[in-house]
């Protein structure tokens, strides 16, 4: 290696290629991590939507049960009144 230009190019290009390949590998790893995180985020979003839907259905069922309980109480009161009228007539 008598030519100083070639020596200089090799001394510059070698480290530059090493840094380039290191940064490229890091970028690839980061892209993979980001992809995995995006997939996890999508999964958690679907889980959250399912849980929200289940809670909404549960709330609706509770409202129906409360309404039915009130109707049963009202019917029980009506039956007591009818029984009291029948007892008074007898």
PDB file of N, CA and C in Angstrom:
ATOM      1  N   UNK A   1       0.823  -1.169   0.000  1.00  0.00           N
ATOM      2  CA  UNK A   1       0.000   0.000   0.000  1.00  0.00           C
ATOM      3  C   UNK A   1       0.879   1.249   0.000  1.00  0.00           C
ATOM      4  N   UNK A   2       1.327   1.567  -1.130  1.00  0.00           N
ATOM      5  CA  UNK A   2       2.200   2.733  -1.257  1.00  0.00           C
ATOM      6  C   UNK A   2       1.408   4.003  -1.515  1.00  0.00           C
ATOM      7  N   UNK A   3       0.197   3.862  -1.970  1.00  0.00           N
ATOM      8  CA  UNK A   3      -0.596   5.026  -2.343  1.00  0.00           C
ATOM      9  C   UNK A   3      -1.313   5.567  -1.101  1.00  0.00           C
ATOM     10  N   UNK A   4      -1.029   6.812  -0.690  1.00  0.00           N
ATOM     11  CA  UNK A   4      -1.669   7.365   0.514  1.00  0.00           C
ATOM     12  C   UNK A   4      -3.160   7.624   0.319  1.00  0.00           C
ATOM     13  N   UNK A   5      -3.595   7.859  -0.895  1.00  0.00           N
ATOM     14  CA  UNK A   5      -5.022   8.088  -1.152  1.00  0.00           C
ATOM     15  C   UNK A   5      -5.809   6.811  -0.875  1.00  0.00           C
ATOM     16  N   UNK A   6      -5.299   5.695  -1.306  1.00  0.00           N
ATOM     17  CA  UNK A   6      -5.973   4.414  -1.077  1.00  0.00           C
ATOM     18  C   UNK A   6      -5.986   4.103   0.418  1.00  0.00           C
ATOM     19  N   UNK A   7      -4.885   4.366   1.088  1.00  0.00           N
ATOM     20  CA  UNK A   7      -4.836   4.136   2.532  1.00  0.00           C
ATOM     21  C   UNK A   7      -5.845   5.022   3.258  1.00  0.00           C
ATOM     22  N   UNK A   8      -5.909   6.259   2.829  1.00  0.00           N
ATOM     23  CA  UNK A   8      -6.868   7.181   3.454  1.00  0.00           C
ATOM     24  C   UNK A   8      -8.301   6.721   3.205  1.00  0.00           C
ATOM     25  N   UNK A   9      -8.620   6.339   1.952  1.00  0.00           N
ATOM     26  CA  UNK A   9      -9.968   5.854   1.629  1.00  0.00           C
ATOM     27  C   UNK A   9     -10.324   4.638   2.468  1.00  0.00           C
ATOM     28  N   UNK A  10      -9.420   3.700   2.587  1.00  0.00           N
ATOM     29  CA  UNK A  10      -9.692   2.509   3.391  1.00  0.00           C
ATOM     30  C   UNK A  10      -9.853   2.852   4.865  1.00  0.00           C
ATOM     31  N   UNK A  11      -9.059   3.785   5.343  1.00  0.00           N
ATOM     32  CA  UNK A  11      -9.165   4.151   6.754  1.00  0.00           C
ATOM     33  C   UNK A  11     -10.447   4.937   7.031  1.00  0.00           C
ATOM     34  N   UNK A  12     -10.998   5.602   6.041  1.00  0.00           N
ATOM     35  CA  UNK A  12     -12.246   6.356   6.217  1.00  0.00           C
ATOM     36  C   UNK A  12     -13.456   5.483   5.901  1.00  0.00           C
ATOM     37  N   UNK A  13     -13.418   4.750   4.803  1.00  0.00           N
ATOM     38  CA  UNK A  13     -14.559   3.959   4.363  1.00  0.00           C
ATOM     39  C   UNK A  13     -14.839   2.799   5.328  1.00  0.00           C
ATOM     40  N   UNK A  14     -13.792   2.181   5.856  1.00  0.00           N
ATOM     41  CA  UNK A  14     -13.987   1.067   6.784  1.00  0.00           C
ATOM     42  C   UNK A  14     -14.831   1.453   7.993  1.00  0.00           C
ATOM     43  N   UNK A  15     -14.445   2.482   8.741  1.00  0.00           N
ATOM     44  CA  UNK A  15     -15.259   2.895   9.888  1.00  0.00           C
ATOM     45  C   UNK A  15     -16.654   3.399   9.494  1.00  0.00           C
ATOM     46  N   UNK A  16     -16.719   4.090   8.363  1.00  0.00           N
ATOM     47  CA  UNK A  16     -18.033   4.582   7.913  1.00  0.00           C
ATOM     48  C   UNK A  16     -18.956   3.407   7.634  1.00  0.00           C
ATOM     49  N   UNK A  17     -18.456   2.365   6.959  1.00  0.00           N
ATOM     50  CA  UNK A  17     -19.281   1.178   6.695  1.00  0.00           C
ATOM     51  C   UNK A  17     -19.662   0.469   7.992  1.00  0.00           C
ATOM     52  N   UNK A  18     -18.751   0.434   8.941  1.00  0.00           N
ATOM     53  CA  UNK A  18     -19.057  -0.202  10.233  1.00  0.00           C
ATOM     54  C   UNK A  18     -20.168   0.551  10.956  1.00  0.00           C
ATOM     55  N   UNK A  19     -20.055   1.878  10.980  1.00  0.00           N
ATOM     56  CA  UNK A  19     -21.089   2.689  11.628  1.00  0.00           C
ATOM     57  C   UNK A  19     -22.419   2.548  10.886  1.00  0.00           C
ATOM     58  N   UNK A  20     -22.368   2.544   9.566  1.00  0.00           N
ATOM     59  CA  UNK A  20     -23.582   2.396   8.759  1.00  0.00           C
ATOM     60  C   UNK A  20     -24.275   1.075   9.068  1.00  0.00           C
ATOM     61  N   UNK A  21     -23.514  -0.024   9.066  1.00  0.00           N
ATOM     62  CA  UNK A  21     -24.151  -1.323   9.300  1.00  0.00           C
ATOM     63  C   UNK A  21     -24.666  -1.416  10.736  1.00  0.00           C
ATOM     64  N   UNK A  22     -23.972  -0.820  11.704  1.00  0.00           N
ATOM     65  CA  UNK A  22     -24.455  -0.801  13.079  1.00  0.00           C
ATOM     66  C   UNK A  22     -25.767  -0.028  13.171  1.00  0.00           C
ATOM     67  N   UNK A  23     -25.817   1.157  12.574  1.00  0.00           N
ATOM     68  CA  UNK A  23     -27.033   1.969  12.608  1.00  0.00           C
ATOM     69  C   UNK A  23     -28.178   1.298  11.863  1.00  0.00           C
ATOM     70  N   UNK A  24     -27.862   0.621  10.770  1.00  0.00           N
ATOM     71  CA  UNK A  24     -28.900  -0.083  10.019  1.00  0.00           C
ATOM     72  C   UNK A  24     -29.483  -1.218  10.855  1.00  0.00           C
ATOM     73  N   UNK A  25     -28.632  -1.950  11.548  1.00  0.00           N
ATOM     74  CA  UNK A  25     -29.104  -3.035  12.416  1.00  0.00           C
ATOM     75  C   UNK A  25     -29.970  -2.485  13.550  1.00  0.00           C
ATOM     76  N   UNK A  26     -29.542  -1.379  14.137  1.00  0.00           N
ATOM     77  CA  UNK A  26     -30.317  -0.748  15.204  1.00  0.00           C
ATOM     78  C   UNK A  26     -31.685  -0.297  14.682  1.00  0.00           C
ATOM     79  N   UNK A  27     -31.694   0.288  13.506  1.00  0.00           N
ATOM     80  CA  UNK A  27     -32.949   0.745  12.905  1.00  0.00           C
ATOM     81  C   UNK A  27     -33.886  -0.419  12.661  1.00  0.00           C
ATOM     82  N   UNK A  28     -33.349  -1.518  12.155  1.00  0.00           N
ATOM     83  CA  UNK A  28     -34.173  -2.697  11.905  1.00  0.00           C
ATOM     84  C   UNK A  28     -34.763  -3.221  13.205  1.00  0.00           C
ATOM     85  N   UNK A  29     -33.953  -3.296  14.257  1.00  0.00           N
ATOM     86  CA  UNK A  29     -34.451  -3.747  15.559  1.00  0.00           C
ATOM     87  C   UNK A  29     -35.539  -2.822  16.096  1.00  0.00           C
ATOM     88  N   UNK A  30     -35.326  -1.529  15.944  1.00  0.00           N
ATOM     89  CA  UNK A  30     -36.319  -0.567  16.415  1.00  0.00           C
ATOM     90  C   UNK A  30     -37.625  -0.683  15.626  1.00  0.00           C
ATOM     91  N   UNK A  31     -37.521  -0.893  14.333  1.00  0.00           N
ATOM     92  CA  UNK A  31     -38.726  -1.073  13.516  1.00  0.00           C
ATOM     93  C   UNK A  31     -39.489  -2.312  13.952  1.00  0.00           C
ATOM     94  N   UNK A  32     -38.764  -3.391  14.255  1.00  0.00           N
ATOM     95  CA  UNK A  32     -39.422  -4.608  14.735  1.00  0.00           C
ATOM     96  C   UNK A  32     -40.116  -4.364  16.069  1.00  0.00           C
ATOM     97  N   UNK A  33     -39.451  -3.649  16.959  1.00  0.00           N
ATOM     98  CA  UNK A  33     -40.065  -3.347  18.252  1.00  0.00           C
ATOM     99  C   UNK A  33     -41.310  -2.487  18.072  1.00  0.00           C
ATOM    100  N   UNK A  34     -41.236  -1.503  17.199  1.00  0.00           N
ATOM    101  CA  UNK A  34     -42.382  -0.628  16.954  1.00  0.00           C
ATOM    102  C   UNK A  34     -43.539  -1.435  16.381  1.00  0.00           C
ATOM    103  N   UNK A  35     -43.235  -2.348  15.460  1.00  0.00           N
ATOM    104  CA  UNK A  35     -44.280  -3.184  14.880  1.00  0.00           C
ATOM    105  C   UNK A  35     -44.942  -4.034  15.961  1.00  0.00           C
ATOM    106  N   UNK A  36     -44.147  -4.618  16.836  1.00  0.00           N
ATOM    107  CA  UNK A  36     -44.702  -5.426  17.915  1.00  0.00           C
ATOM    108  C   UNK A  36     -45.562  -4.576  18.845  1.00  0.00           C
ATOM    109  N   UNK A  37     -45.102  -3.380  19.156  1.00  0.00           N
ATOM    110  CA  UNK A  37     -45.879  -2.489  20.016  1.00  0.00           C
ATOM    111  C   UNK A  37     -47.192  -2.083  19.360  1.00  0.00           C
ATOM    112  N   UNK A  38     -47.169  -1.843  18.059  1.00  0.00           N
ATOM    113  CA  UNK A  38     -48.396  -1.506  17.342  1.00  0.00           C
ATOM    114  C   UNK A  38     -49.378  -2.670  17.391  1.00  0.00           C
ATOM    115  N   UNK A  39     -48.876  -3.884  17.225  1.00  0.00           N
ATOM    116  CA  UNK A  39     -49.747  -5.054  17.292  1.00  0.00           C
ATOM    117  C   UNK A  39     -50.345  -5.205  18.682  1.00  0.00           C
ATOM    118  N   UNK A  40     -49.532  -4.997  19.701  1.00  0.00           N
ATOM    119  CA  UNK A  40     -50.049  -5.076  21.068  1.00  0.00           C
ATOM    120  C   UNK A  40     -51.089  -3.993  21.321  1.00  0.00           C
ATOM    121  N   UNK A  41     -50.838  -2.807  20.813  1.00  0.00           N
ATOM    122  CA  UNK A  41     -51.794  -1.718  20.970  1.00  0.00           C
ATOM    123  C   UNK A  41     -53.120  -2.060  20.307  1.00  0.00           C
ATOM    124  N   UNK A  42     -53.075  -2.617  19.098  1.00  0.00           N
ATOM    125  CA  UNK A  42     -54.304  -3.018  18.415  1.00  0.00           C
ATOM    126  C   UNK A  42     -55.036  -4.092  19.207  1.00  0.00           C
ATOM    127  N   UNK A  43     -54.300  -5.055  19.752  1.00  0.00           N
ATOM    128  CA  UNK A  43     -54.910  -6.110  20.551  1.00  0.00           C
ATOM    129  C   UNK A  43     -55.601  -5.527  21.777  1.00  0.00           C
ATOM    130  N   UNK A  44     -54.906  -4.609  22.474  1.00  0.00           N
ATOM    131  CA  UNK A  44     -55.492  -4.007  23.667  1.00  0.00           C
ATOM    132  C   UNK A  44     -56.706  -3.149  23.323  1.00  0.00           C
ATOM    133  N   UNK A  45     -56.685  -2.509  22.165  1.00  0.00           N
ATOM    134  CA  UNK A  45     -57.851  -1.727  21.753  1.00  0.00           C
ATOM    135  C   UNK A  45     -59.055  -2.631  21.545  1.00  0.00           C
ATOM    136  N   UNK A  46     -58.850  -3.767  20.879  1.00  0.00           N
ATOM    137  CA  UNK A  46     -59.980  -4.684  20.668  1.00  0.00           C
ATOM    138  C   UNK A  46     -60.463  -5.254  22.000  1.00  0.00           C
ATOM    139  N   UNK A  47     -59.541  -5.548  22.911  1.00  0.00           N
ATOM    140  CA  UNK A  47     -59.938  -6.048  24.229  1.00  0.00           C
ATOM    141  C   UNK A  47     -60.744  -4.980  24.970  1.00  0.00           C
ATOM    142  N   UNK A  48     -60.314  -3.737  24.878  1.00  0.00           N
ATOM    143  CA  UNK A  48     -61.019  -2.647  25.535  1.00  0.00           C
ATOM    144  C   UNK A  48     -62.412  -2.468  24.949  1.00  0.00           C
ATOM    145  N   UNK A  49     -62.536  -2.559  23.632  1.00  0.00           N
ATOM    146  CA  UNK A  49     -63.850  -2.444  22.993  1.00  0.00           C
ATOM    147  C   UNK A  49     -64.776  -3.565  23.454  1.00  0.00           C
ATOM    148  N   UNK A  50     -64.251  -4.787  23.526  1.00  0.00           N
ATOM    149  CA  UNK A  50     -65.067  -5.917  23.996  1.00  0.00           C
ATOM    150  C   UNK A  50     -65.510  -5.707  25.438  1.00  0.00           C
ATOM    151  N   UNK A  51     -64.591  -5.274  26.282  1.00  0.00           N
ATOM    152  CA  UNK A  51     -64.933  -5.056  27.685  1.00  0.00           C
ATOM    153  C   UNK A  51     -65.966  -3.948  27.830  1.00  0.00           C
ATOM    154  N   UNK A  52     -65.812  -2.896  27.046  1.00  0.00           N
ATOM    155  CA  UNK A  52     -66.771  -1.791  27.086  1.00  0.00           C
ATOM    156  C   UNK A  52     -68.147  -2.263  26.658  1.00  0.00           C
ATOM    157  N   UNK A  53     -68.196  -3.067  25.596  1.00  0.00           N
ATOM    158  CA  UNK A  53     -69.474  -3.587  25.122  1.00  0.00           C
ATOM    159  C   UNK A  53     -70.125  -4.476  26.186  1.00  0.00           C
ATOM    160  N   UNK A  54     -69.312  -5.315  26.834  1.00  0.00           N
ATOM    161  CA  UNK A  54     -69.858  -6.184  27.877  1.00  0.00           C
ATOM    162  C   UNK A  54     -70.405  -5.361  29.042  1.00  0.00           C
ATOM    163  N   UNK A  55     -69.683  -4.311  29.427  1.00  0.00           N
ATOM    164  CA  UNK A  55     -70.159  -3.457  30.516  1.00  0.00           C
ATOM    165  C   UNK A  55     -71.453  -2.734  30.127  1.00  0.00           C
ATOM    166  N   UNK A  56     -71.527  -2.289  28.880  1.00  0.00           N
ATOM    167  CA  UNK A  56     -72.756  -1.636  28.422  1.00  0.00           C
ATOM    168  C   UNK A  56     -73.929  -2.610  28.476  1.00  0.00           C
ATOM    169  N   UNK A  57     -73.707  -3.846  28.025  1.00  0.00           N
ATOM    170  CA  UNK A  57     -74.763  -4.853  28.086  1.00  0.00           C
ATOM    171  C   UNK A  57     -75.152  -5.140  29.525  1.00  0.00           C
ATOM    172  N   UNK A  58     -74.177  -5.168  30.403  1.00  0.00           N
ATOM    173  CA  UNK A  58     -74.443  -5.420  31.806  1.00  0.00           C
ATOM    174  C   UNK A  58     -75.299  -4.290  32.386  1.00  0.00           C
ATOM    175  N   UNK A  59     -74.978  -3.058  32.046  1.00  0.00           N
ATOM    176  CA  UNK A  59     -75.756  -1.914  32.521  1.00  0.00           C
ATOM    177  C   UNK A  59     -77.197  -1.995  32.032  1.00  0.00           C
ATOM    178  N   UNK A  60     -77.379  -2.355  30.773  1.00  0.00           N
ATOM    179  CA  UNK A  60     -78.734  -2.486  30.233  1.00  0.00           C
ATOM    180  C   UNK A  60     -79.509  -3.586  30.963  1.00  0.00           C
ATOM    181  N   UNK A  61     -78.845  -4.700  31.240  1.00  0.00           N
ATOM    182  CA  UNK A  61     -79.501  -5.788  31.961  1.00  0.00           C
ATOM    183  C   UNK A  61     -79.877  -5.350  33.377  1.00  0.00           C
ATOM    184  N   UNK A  62     -79.017  -4.585  34.012  1.00  0.00           N
ATOM    185  CA  UNK A  62     -79.335  -4.079  35.353  1.00  0.00           C
ATOM    186  C   UNK A  62     -80.545  -3.157  35.323  1.00  0.00           C
ATOM    187  N   UNK A  63     -80.636  -2.314  34.303  1.00  0.00           N
ATOM    188  CA  UNK A  63     -81.796  -1.428  34.178  1.00  0.00           C
ATOM    189  C   UNK A  63     -83.074  -2.233  34.020  1.00  0.00           C
ATOM    190  N   UNK A  64     -83.017  -3.282  33.209  1.00  0.00           N
ATOM    191  CA  UNK A  64     -84.195  -4.132  33.008  1.00  0.00           C
ATOM    192  C   UNK A  64     -84.567  -4.815  34.314  1.00  0.00           C
ATOM    193  N   UNK A  65     -83.579  -5.319  35.040  1.00  0.00           N
ATOM    194  CA  UNK A  65     -83.861  -5.979  36.316  1.00  0.00           C
ATOM    195  C   UNK A  65     -84.471  -5.012  37.328  1.00  0.00           C
ATOM    196  N   UNK A  66     -83.990  -3.793  37.361  1.00  0.00           N
ATOM    197  CA  UNK A  66     -84.551  -2.793  38.271  1.00  0.00           C
ATOM    198  C   UNK A  66     -86.005  -2.503  37.897  1.00  0.00           C
ATOM    199  N   UNK A  67     -86.270  -2.371  36.610  1.00  0.00           N
ATOM    200  CA  UNK A  67     -87.647  -2.120  36.166  1.00  0.00           C
ATOM    201  C   UNK A  67     -88.541  -3.303  36.527  1.00  0.00           C
ATOM    202  N   UNK A  68     -88.067  -4.515  36.337  1.00  0.00           N
ATOM    203  CA  UNK A  68     -88.861  -5.691  36.698  1.00  0.00           C
ATOM    204  C   UNK A  68     -89.107  -5.749  38.197  1.00  0.00           C
ATOM    205  N   UNK A  69     -88.115  -5.411  38.980  1.00  0.00           N
ATOM    206  CA  UNK A  69     -88.281  -5.397  40.441  1.00  0.00           C
ATOM    207  C   UNK A  69     -89.339  -4.392  40.844  1.00  0.00           C
ATOM    208  N   UNK A  70     -89.336  -3.238  40.249  1.00  0.00           N
ATOM    209  CA  UNK A  70     -90.355  -2.228  40.559  1.00  0.00           C
ATOM    210  C   UNK A  70     -91.742  -2.713  40.168  1.00  0.00           C
ATOM    211  N   UNK A  71     -91.850  -3.378  39.029  1.00  0.00           N
ATOM    212  CA  UNK A  71     -93.149  -3.904  38.601  1.00  0.00           C
ATOM    213  C   UNK A  71     -93.639  -4.991  39.547  1.00  0.00           C
ATOM    214  N   UNK A  72     -92.735  -5.848  40.014  1.00  0.00           N
ATOM    215  CA  UNK A  72     -93.129  -6.903  40.958  1.00  0.00           C
ATOM    216  C   UNK A  72     -93.587  -6.274  42.269  1.00  0.00           C
ATOM    217  N   UNK A  73     -92.889  -5.240  42.723  1.00  0.00           N
ATOM    218  CA  UNK A  73     -93.311  -4.552  43.946  1.00  0.00           C
ATOM    219  C   UNK A  73     -94.695  -3.941  43.771  1.00  0.00           C
ATOM    220  N   UNK A  74     -94.918  -3.324  42.619  1.00  0.00           N
ATOM    221  CA  UNK A  74     -96.223  -2.714  42.354  1.00  0.00           C
ATOM    222  C   UNK A  74     -97.308  -3.782  42.309  1.00  0.00           C
ATOM    223  N   UNK A  75     -97.032  -4.909  41.678  1.00  0.00           N
ATOM    224  CA  UNK A  75     -98.005  -6.000  41.632  1.00  0.00           C
ATOM    225  C   UNK A  75     -98.265  -6.563  43.032  1.00  0.00           C
ATOM    226  N   UNK A  76     -97.235  -6.673  43.831  1.00  0.00           N
ATOM    227  CA  UNK A  76     -97.393  -7.158  45.207  1.00  0.00           C
ATOM    228  C   UNK A  76     -98.285  -6.213  46.001  1.00  0.00           C
ATOM    229  N   UNK A  77     -98.084  -4.914  45.847  1.00  0.00           N
ATOM    230  CA  UNK A  77     -98.937  -3.934  46.520  1.00  0.00           C
ATOM    231  C   UNK A  77    -100.369  -4.062  46.047  1.00  0.00           C
ATOM    232  N   UNK A  78    -100.577  -4.229  44.747  1.00  0.00           N
ATOM    233  CA  UNK A  78    -101.936  -4.399  44.207  1.00  0.00           C
ATOM    234  C   UNK A  78    -102.594  -5.655  44.770  1.00  0.00           C
ATOM    235  N   UNK A  79    -101.837  -6.719  44.864  1.00  0.00           N
ATOM    236  CA  UNK A  79    -102.392  -7.973  45.398  1.00  0.00           C
ATOM    237  C   UNK A  79    -102.767  -7.795  46.872  1.00  0.00           C
ATOM    238  N   UNK A  80    -101.955  -7.113  47.637  1.00  0.00           N
ATOM    239  CA  UNK A  80    -102.280  -6.853  49.049  1.00  0.00           C
ATOM    240  C   UNK A  80    -103.564  -6.035  49.170  1.00  0.00           C
ATOM    241  N   UNK A  81    -103.706  -5.028  48.331  1.00  0.00           N
ATOM    242  CA  UNK A  81    -104.926  -4.211  48.366  1.00  0.00           C
ATOM    243  C   UNK A  81    -106.153  -5.054  48.033  1.00  0.00           C
ATOM    244  N   UNK A  82    -105.999  -5.902  47.017  1.00  0.00           N
ATOM    245  CA  UNK A  82    -107.131  -6.763  46.632  1.00  0.00           C
ATOM    246  C   UNK A  82    -107.453  -7.719  47.777  1.00  0.00           C
ATOM    247  N   UNK A  83    -106.458  -8.283  48.419  1.00  0.00           N
ATOM    248  CA  UNK A  83    -106.683  -9.190  49.542  1.00  0.00           C
ATOM    249  C   UNK A  83    -107.377  -8.455  50.694  1.00  0.00           C
ATOM    250  N   UNK A  84    -106.954  -7.226  50.925  1.00  0.00           N
ATOM    251  CA  UNK A  84    -107.584  -6.447  52.014  1.00  0.00           C
ATOM    252  C   UNK A  84    -109.049  -6.169  51.690  1.00  0.00           C
ATOM    253  N   UNK A  85    -109.360  -5.856  50.436  1.00  0.00           N
ATOM    254  CA  UNK A  85    -110.762  -5.616  50.046  1.00  0.00           C
ATOM    255  C   UNK A  85    -111.578  -6.892  50.203  1.00  0.00           C
ATOM    256  N   UNK A  86    -110.983  -8.013  49.798  1.00  0.00           N
ATOM    257  CA  UNK A  86    -111.704  -9.286  49.920  1.00  0.00           C
ATOM    258  C   UNK A  86    -111.932  -9.616  51.380  1.00  0.00           C
ATOM    259  N   UNK A  87    -110.941  -9.381  52.223  1.00  0.00           N
ATOM    260  CA  UNK A  87    -111.100  -9.655  53.653  1.00  0.00           C
ATOM    261  C   UNK A  87    -112.162  -8.766  54.265  1.00  0.00           C
ATOM    262  N   UNK A  88    -112.274  -7.487  53.833  1.00  0.00           N
ATOM    263  CA  UNK A  88    -113.284  -6.569  54.368  1.00  0.00           C
ATOM    264  C   UNK A  88    -114.682  -7.012  53.944  1.00  0.00           C
ATOM    265  N   UNK A  89    -114.810  -7.525  52.749  1.00  0.00           N
ATOM    266  CA  UNK A  89    -116.119  -7.931  52.234  1.00  0.00           C
ATOM    267  C   UNK A  89    -116.598  -9.201  52.897  1.00  0.00           C
ATOM    268  N   UNK A  90    -115.731 -10.017  53.380  1.00  0.00           N
ATOM    269  CA  UNK A  90    -116.131 -11.287  53.975  1.00  0.00           C
ATOM    270  C   UNK A  90    -116.460 -11.126  55.382  1.00  0.00           C
TER     271      UNK A  90
END
